[in-house]
Structures are given as structure tokens and as C-alpha cells.
Amino acid sequence: MRDGRARTVRTSPAPCYRVGQMKKPDIAKQLARRSRVSQAEAADRLDVIVRKIVSDLRKGRPSALPGLGKFKHGPDGQVAFEREAGKRHE
């Protein structure tokens, strides 16, 4: 959101979703390493988070990721991710 606009993100409930150029197994592997849990446990946790986000959005509610930002419906009806102000994440 560098230019003041929210980024459009798909909300497909598909189990093999992508984040940027990373696929679910890549994200789960990194999450497992950082959280010191198995890759299977990390994948399960990731699925829970994505299902929660999709569920909130389908109900017309924003879905927050504490410390990062929130997913919400934009004015054009597309789903957008709005980063928390002043936060920079890599």
C-alpha cells in the first residue's frame, strides 16, 4: 500500500494457495522452522488461518492479522490487504 491503495488479493478457499511467489508448502516449511513444529502441523495451522480469513470475508467482515494488517472488501468489491500503518515486513 505504498501509493495509498490497498492490494487486491484473491480469497479462493483452495488448499494450495500462493502468497507472492511462495506456495503453501514453502510457507509451511518456513513457519515450521520458525515455530519449531513439524511441517504438517505448520500446514494445518496455515489452513486454519486461511479458512478464518475466507470465512470472515464471506460474511462481509474484515479479517485482521495482528501485527501485519487486515483483509477487507475494497470499494470496488475486490478483497484488499491493508498493511498496518508504520509497519514494514519482509
N, C-alpha and C. Protein backbone atom coordinates (compact mmCIF):
# COMPACT_ATOMS: atom_id res chain seq x y z
N MET A 1 0.83 -1.18 0.00
CA MET A 1 0.00 0.00 0.00
C MET A 1 0.87 1.24 0.00
N ARG A 2 1.91 1.23 -0.75
CA ARG A 2 2.84 2.36 -0.80
C ARG A 2 2.21 3.60 -1.40
N ASP A 3 1.30 3.42 -2.33
CA ASP A 3 0.69 4.56 -3.00
C ASP A 3 -0.66 4.92 -2.41
N GLY A 4 -0.99 4.37 -1.25
CA GLY A 4 -2.25 4.68 -0.60
C GLY A 4 -3.39 3.77 -0.98
N ARG A 5 -3.16 2.88 -1.95
CA ARG A 5 -4.21 1.96 -2.37
C ARG A 5 -3.96 0.59 -1.76
N ALA A 6 -5.03 -0.10 -1.44
CA ALA A 6 -4.92 -1.46 -0.90
C ALA A 6 -4.63 -2.43 -2.04
N ARG A 7 -3.92 -3.50 -1.73
CA ARG A 7 -3.57 -4.52 -2.72
C ARG A 7 -4.69 -5.54 -2.84
N THR A 8 -5.08 -5.89 -4.05
CA THR A 8 -6.14 -6.87 -4.28
C THR A 8 -5.59 -8.28 -4.10
N VAL A 9 -6.33 -9.10 -3.36
CA VAL A 9 -5.92 -10.47 -3.07
C VAL A 9 -7.12 -11.38 -3.31
N ARG A 10 -6.90 -12.53 -3.95
CA ARG A 10 -7.98 -13.50 -4.15
C ARG A 10 -8.31 -14.18 -2.83
N THR A 11 -9.55 -14.62 -2.69
CA THR A 11 -9.96 -15.33 -1.47
C THR A 11 -10.40 -16.75 -1.77
N SER A 12 -9.79 -17.36 -2.73
CA SER A 12 -10.13 -18.74 -3.08
C SER A 12 -9.84 -19.68 -1.91
N PRO A 13 -10.79 -20.55 -1.56
CA PRO A 13 -10.57 -21.46 -0.44
C PRO A 13 -9.72 -22.67 -0.82
N ALA A 14 -9.11 -22.67 -1.99
CA ALA A 14 -8.30 -23.80 -2.44
C ALA A 14 -7.19 -24.11 -1.45
N PRO A 15 -6.93 -25.38 -1.17
CA PRO A 15 -5.91 -25.75 -0.20
C PRO A 15 -4.49 -25.43 -0.64
N CYS A 16 -4.23 -25.29 -1.92
CA CYS A 16 -2.88 -24.96 -2.40
C CYS A 16 -2.90 -23.54 -2.94
N TYR A 17 -2.83 -22.59 -2.05
CA TYR A 17 -2.86 -21.19 -2.41
C TYR A 17 -1.43 -20.67 -2.49
N ARG A 18 -1.29 -19.49 -3.01
CA ARG A 18 0.02 -18.86 -3.15
C ARG A 18 0.05 -17.55 -2.39
N VAL A 19 1.19 -17.20 -1.88
CA VAL A 19 1.42 -15.89 -1.27
C VAL A 19 2.62 -15.33 -2.00
N GLY A 20 2.42 -14.29 -2.79
CA GLY A 20 3.51 -13.80 -3.62
C GLY A 20 3.97 -14.92 -4.53
N GLN A 21 5.22 -15.27 -4.47
CA GLN A 21 5.76 -16.35 -5.28
C GLN A 21 5.88 -17.65 -4.48
N MET A 22 5.50 -17.64 -3.22
CA MET A 22 5.61 -18.83 -2.38
C MET A 22 4.33 -19.65 -2.45
N LYS A 23 4.49 -20.96 -2.48
CA LYS A 23 3.35 -21.86 -2.42
C LYS A 23 3.18 -22.33 -0.98
N LYS A 24 2.03 -22.93 -0.71
CA LYS A 24 1.72 -23.37 0.64
C LYS A 24 2.84 -24.21 1.28
N PRO A 25 3.41 -25.21 0.60
CA PRO A 25 4.48 -25.99 1.24
C PRO A 25 5.69 -25.14 1.64
N ASP A 26 5.99 -24.12 0.83
CA ASP A 26 7.11 -23.23 1.16
C ASP A 26 6.82 -22.42 2.42
N ILE A 27 5.60 -21.92 2.50
CA ILE A 27 5.20 -21.13 3.67
C ILE A 27 5.19 -22.02 4.91
N ALA A 28 4.63 -23.23 4.78
CA ALA A 28 4.56 -24.16 5.91
C ALA A 28 5.96 -24.54 6.39
N LYS A 29 6.87 -24.74 5.46
CA LYS A 29 8.24 -25.10 5.82
C LYS A 29 8.90 -23.98 6.63
N GLN A 30 8.73 -22.77 6.17
CA GLN A 30 9.31 -21.62 6.87
C GLN A 30 8.64 -21.43 8.23
N LEU A 31 7.32 -21.57 8.28
CA LEU A 31 6.58 -21.44 9.53
C LEU A 31 7.00 -22.52 10.51
N ALA A 32 7.18 -23.75 10.04
CA ALA A 32 7.60 -24.86 10.90
C ALA A 32 8.97 -24.58 11.51
N ARG A 33 9.87 -24.12 10.69
CA ARG A 33 11.22 -23.84 11.17
C ARG A 33 11.21 -22.74 12.23
N ARG A 34 10.47 -21.68 11.98
CA ARG A 34 10.44 -20.55 12.92
C ARG A 34 9.66 -20.86 14.19
N SER A 35 8.65 -21.72 14.08
CA SER A 35 7.80 -22.05 15.23
C SER A 35 8.24 -23.31 15.96
N ARG A 36 9.20 -24.02 15.37
CA ARG A 36 9.69 -25.27 15.94
C ARG A 36 8.59 -26.32 16.10
N VAL A 37 7.82 -26.46 15.03
CA VAL A 37 6.79 -27.51 14.96
C VAL A 37 7.04 -28.27 13.66
N SER A 38 6.35 -29.40 13.50
CA SER A 38 6.52 -30.18 12.27
C SER A 38 5.93 -29.40 11.08
N GLN A 39 6.37 -29.77 9.90
CA GLN A 39 5.85 -29.11 8.70
C GLN A 39 4.35 -29.40 8.54
N ALA A 40 3.92 -30.60 8.93
CA ALA A 40 2.50 -30.95 8.84
C ALA A 40 1.68 -30.07 9.79
N GLU A 41 2.18 -29.87 11.02
CA GLU A 41 1.49 -29.01 11.99
C GLU A 41 1.43 -27.58 11.47
N ALA A 42 2.52 -27.10 10.91
CA ALA A 42 2.55 -25.74 10.36
C ALA A 42 1.54 -25.60 9.21
N ALA A 43 1.46 -26.61 8.35
CA ALA A 43 0.49 -26.58 7.25
C ALA A 43 -0.94 -26.56 7.78
N ASP A 44 -1.21 -27.32 8.83
CA ASP A 44 -2.54 -27.32 9.45
C ASP A 44 -2.87 -25.95 10.02
N ARG A 45 -1.91 -25.34 10.69
CA ARG A 45 -2.12 -24.01 11.25
C ARG A 45 -2.39 -22.99 10.16
N LEU A 46 -1.65 -23.09 9.07
CA LEU A 46 -1.84 -22.20 7.94
C LEU A 46 -3.23 -22.35 7.35
N ASP A 47 -3.70 -23.59 7.22
CA ASP A 47 -5.06 -23.84 6.72
C ASP A 47 -6.11 -23.20 7.62
N VAL A 48 -5.92 -23.29 8.93
CA VAL A 48 -6.88 -22.69 9.88
C VAL A 48 -6.95 -21.18 9.68
N ILE A 49 -5.79 -20.55 9.53
CA ILE A 49 -5.74 -19.10 9.34
C ILE A 49 -6.45 -18.70 8.05
N VAL A 50 -6.16 -19.41 6.96
CA VAL A 50 -6.76 -19.07 5.68
C VAL A 50 -8.27 -19.29 5.71
N ARG A 51 -8.72 -20.39 6.32
CA ARG A 51 -10.17 -20.64 6.43
C ARG A 51 -10.85 -19.52 7.22
N LYS A 52 -10.21 -19.03 8.27
CA LYS A 52 -10.77 -17.95 9.08
C LYS A 52 -10.89 -16.67 8.27
N ILE A 53 -9.84 -16.36 7.52
CA ILE A 53 -9.86 -15.15 6.68
C ILE A 53 -10.99 -15.24 5.66
N VAL A 54 -11.08 -16.36 4.97
CA VAL A 54 -12.11 -16.54 3.94
C VAL A 54 -13.50 -16.48 4.56
N SER A 55 -13.69 -17.12 5.71
CA SER A 55 -14.98 -17.11 6.39
C SER A 55 -15.39 -15.68 6.77
N ASP A 56 -14.48 -14.93 7.36
CA ASP A 56 -14.78 -13.54 7.73
C ASP A 56 -15.17 -12.72 6.51
N LEU A 57 -14.41 -12.85 5.44
CA LEU A 57 -14.68 -12.06 4.24
C LEU A 57 -16.02 -12.44 3.61
N ARG A 58 -16.35 -13.71 3.61
CA ARG A 58 -17.64 -14.13 3.05
C ARG A 58 -18.80 -13.58 3.86
N LYS A 59 -18.57 -13.32 5.14
CA LYS A 59 -19.61 -12.74 6.00
C LYS A 59 -19.60 -11.22 5.93
N GLY A 60 -18.72 -10.66 5.09
CA GLY A 60 -18.67 -9.21 4.93
C GLY A 60 -17.86 -8.50 5.99
N ARG A 61 -17.09 -9.25 6.77
CA ARG A 61 -16.29 -8.66 7.84
C ARG A 61 -14.82 -8.62 7.44
N PRO A 62 -14.09 -7.62 7.93
CA PRO A 62 -12.64 -7.62 7.71
C PRO A 62 -12.01 -8.73 8.55
N SER A 63 -10.83 -9.17 8.16
CA SER A 63 -10.13 -10.22 8.89
C SER A 63 -8.71 -9.74 9.19
N ALA A 64 -8.41 -9.56 10.46
CA ALA A 64 -7.13 -8.99 10.88
C ALA A 64 -6.05 -10.04 11.06
N LEU A 65 -4.84 -9.67 10.72
CA LEU A 65 -3.64 -10.44 11.02
C LEU A 65 -2.83 -9.53 11.94
N PRO A 66 -2.94 -9.73 13.26
CA PRO A 66 -2.29 -8.83 14.21
C PRO A 66 -0.81 -8.62 13.90
N GLY A 67 -0.41 -7.37 13.91
CA GLY A 67 0.96 -7.02 13.63
C GLY A 67 1.27 -6.86 12.15
N LEU A 68 0.33 -7.24 11.28
CA LEU A 68 0.56 -7.15 9.84
C LEU A 68 -0.42 -6.22 9.15
N GLY A 69 -1.71 -6.43 9.40
CA GLY A 69 -2.74 -5.64 8.74
C GLY A 69 -4.03 -6.42 8.69
N LYS A 70 -4.87 -6.09 7.70
CA LYS A 70 -6.15 -6.79 7.61
C LYS A 70 -6.59 -6.93 6.16
N PHE A 71 -7.35 -8.00 5.93
CA PHE A 71 -8.02 -8.22 4.65
C PHE A 71 -9.40 -7.62 4.79
N LYS A 72 -9.84 -6.94 3.74
CA LYS A 72 -11.18 -6.36 3.76
C LYS A 72 -11.67 -6.18 2.34
N HIS A 73 -12.97 -5.95 2.20
CA HIS A 73 -13.55 -5.67 0.89
C HIS A 73 -13.28 -4.22 0.56
N GLY A 74 -12.73 -3.99 -0.62
CA GLY A 74 -12.47 -2.63 -1.08
C GLY A 74 -13.73 -2.01 -1.64
N PRO A 75 -13.64 -0.73 -2.00
CA PRO A 75 -14.82 -0.02 -2.53
C PRO A 75 -15.33 -0.61 -3.84
N ASP A 76 -14.45 -1.32 -4.57
CA ASP A 76 -14.87 -1.92 -5.84
C ASP A 76 -15.36 -3.36 -5.66
N GLY A 77 -15.43 -3.82 -4.40
CA GLY A 77 -15.91 -5.17 -4.13
C GLY A 77 -14.82 -6.22 -4.12
N GLN A 78 -13.62 -5.86 -4.55
CA GLN A 78 -12.49 -6.77 -4.52
C GLN A 78 -11.93 -6.86 -3.11
N VAL A 79 -11.31 -7.99 -2.79
CA VAL A 79 -10.68 -8.14 -1.49
C VAL A 79 -9.32 -7.48 -1.54
N ALA A 80 -9.01 -6.72 -0.50
CA ALA A 80 -7.75 -6.00 -0.44
C ALA A 80 -7.06 -6.26 0.89
N PHE A 81 -5.74 -6.20 0.90
CA PHE A 81 -4.98 -6.29 2.15
C PHE A 81 -4.46 -4.91 2.47
N GLU A 82 -4.75 -4.48 3.69
CA GLU A 82 -4.32 -3.16 4.14
C GLU A 82 -3.29 -3.35 5.25
N ARG A 83 -2.05 -2.98 4.99
CA ARG A 83 -0.99 -3.12 5.99
C ARG A 83 -1.22 -2.16 7.14
N GLU A 84 -0.75 -2.57 8.33
CA GLU A 84 -0.81 -1.67 9.48
C GLU A 84 0.08 -0.47 9.21
N ALA A 85 -0.37 0.68 9.60
CA ALA A 85 0.40 1.91 9.39
C ALA A 85 1.74 1.84 10.10
N GLY A 86 2.76 2.27 9.41
CA GLY A 86 4.09 2.34 10.00
C GLY A 86 4.81 1.03 10.12
N LYS A 87 4.25 -0.07 9.64
CA LYS A 87 4.88 -1.39 9.74
C LYS A 87 5.52 -1.74 8.41
N ARG A 88 6.68 -2.35 8.47
CA ARG A 88 7.36 -2.85 7.27
C ARG A 88 7.75 -4.27 7.54
N HIS A 89 7.29 -5.20 6.67
CA HIS A 89 7.52 -6.63 6.89
C HIS A 89 8.25 -7.22 5.70
N GLU A 90 9.12 -8.15 6.00
CA GLU A 90 9.87 -8.83 4.94
C GLU A 90 9.68 -10.31 5.05
